[in-house]
Each structure stands twice: as C-alpha cells, then as structure tokens.
Amino acid sequence: MEQKRVEEDALVYNWLQQQLKLSPAYKKVLEISASMELKDKSSTELDNPDDEFSDISFEELLEQEKKDSFWSAFLSISPQAY
C-alpha cells in the first residue's frame, strides 16, 4: 500500500517537473540565470576586488583599521587640527 503511494507520488512529481521544464517561464529563468552568470564571470575576470586585500595579513588589516578609527575619532574631536 505504502509502496503504491510512493510510486504515484513519484509519477506526479516527475510529471510536474516535466511540465515546469516545458513552460516559457522556466525557460526565461534559465536564460536570465545564464546571462547573469556570464556578466558575473566577465566582471570577476576584469577586476577582482579581493586582489587588493589578498596579500595583507589579518594583523595588518586590524592595524590599518585601528589607525583609520583613530584618525576619524581625532578629526571629529578637533576639526581645526588638520
């Protein structure tokens, strides 16, 4: 009995999946997805924003952040100092 229900559910699932693949909306989703992947791939190849920070250690980045936060706090306290 349970086996028969599973088989019927599988048939319904497969039929729905097939109908979805034939629908114009699904084809449009695939087209848009492929277009977005191409755009993403081409922009990644042109300029990789991670390259700027790829060879900096965590400690160096932390030190840089501390300096930046120091100067922003210093300048907000005494704007005439610079």
Protein backbone atom coordinates (compact mmCIF):
# COMPACT_ATOMS: atom_id res chain seq x y z
CA MET A 1 0.00 0.00 0.00
CA GLU A 2 2.74 2.45 1.01
CA GLN A 3 4.85 1.44 -1.99
CA LYS A 4 1.95 2.22 -4.32
CA ARG A 5 1.54 5.73 -2.82
CA VAL A 6 5.24 6.40 -3.22
CA GLU A 7 5.12 5.33 -6.86
CA GLU A 8 2.07 7.53 -7.52
CA ASP A 9 3.75 10.48 -5.82
CA ALA A 10 6.87 9.92 -7.91
CA LEU A 11 4.80 9.89 -11.10
CA VAL A 12 3.07 13.14 -10.14
CA TYR A 13 6.38 14.74 -9.17
CA ASN A 14 8.05 13.71 -12.42
CA TRP A 15 5.07 14.92 -14.48
CA LEU A 16 5.09 18.30 -12.71
CA GLN A 17 8.83 18.62 -13.20
CA GLN A 18 8.48 17.87 -16.91
CA GLN A 19 5.67 20.44 -17.27
CA LEU A 20 7.80 23.03 -15.50
CA LYS A 21 10.72 22.43 -17.85
CA LEU A 22 8.42 22.97 -20.83
CA SER A 23 6.99 26.24 -19.53
CA PRO A 24 8.08 29.57 -21.03
CA ALA A 25 8.66 31.00 -17.55
CA TYR A 26 11.18 28.27 -16.70
CA LYS A 27 13.00 28.83 -19.99
CA LYS A 28 13.15 32.57 -19.24
CA VAL A 29 14.56 31.88 -15.76
CA LEU A 30 17.29 29.71 -17.30
CA GLU A 31 18.07 32.39 -19.87
CA ILE A 32 18.33 35.13 -17.23
CA SER A 33 20.44 32.89 -14.99
CA ALA A 34 22.88 32.15 -17.80
CA SER A 35 23.09 35.84 -18.67
CA MET A 36 23.80 36.78 -15.05
CA GLU A 37 26.49 34.11 -14.77
CA LEU A 38 28.22 35.44 -17.88
CA LYS A 39 28.10 39.01 -16.57
CA ASP A 40 29.42 37.90 -13.19
CA LYS A 41 32.21 35.86 -14.75
CA SER A 42 33.29 38.68 -17.06
CA SER A 43 33.28 41.29 -14.29
CA THR A 44 35.22 38.98 -11.99
CA GLU A 45 37.86 38.42 -14.63
CA LEU A 46 38.22 42.14 -15.33
CA ASP A 47 38.67 43.38 -11.80
CA ASN A 48 38.79 41.23 -8.74
CA PRO A 49 38.16 43.42 -5.68
CA ASP A 50 39.74 40.80 -3.43
CA ASP A 51 43.12 41.27 -5.12
CA GLU A 52 43.66 44.48 -3.16
CA PHE A 53 43.49 42.67 0.18
CA SER A 54 44.62 39.20 -0.82
CA ASP A 55 48.21 39.61 0.35
CA ILE A 56 47.52 41.53 3.57
CA SER A 57 47.50 39.62 6.81
CA PHE A 58 44.74 39.85 9.36
CA GLU A 59 47.05 41.64 11.77
CA GLU A 60 47.98 44.23 9.14
CA LEU A 61 44.34 44.81 8.31
CA LEU A 62 43.50 45.18 12.00
CA GLU A 63 46.33 47.68 12.44
CA GLN A 64 45.09 49.66 9.46
CA GLU A 65 41.57 49.71 10.90
CA LYS A 66 42.87 50.94 14.26
CA LYS A 67 44.74 53.79 12.56
CA ASP A 68 41.69 54.71 10.49
CA SER A 69 39.42 54.72 13.52
CA PHE A 70 41.99 56.76 15.49
CA TRP A 71 42.19 59.46 12.85
CA SER A 72 38.44 59.60 12.31
CA ALA A 73 37.93 59.99 16.08
CA PHE A 74 40.76 62.54 16.33
CA LEU A 75 39.42 64.64 13.46
CA SER A 76 35.90 64.61 14.84
CA ILE A 77 37.16 65.93 18.20
CA SER A 78 39.39 68.68 16.81
CA PRO A 79 38.48 69.59 13.22
CA GLN A 80 40.84 72.59 13.22
CA ALA A 81 43.86 70.31 13.85
CA TYR A 82 44.28 69.42 10.22
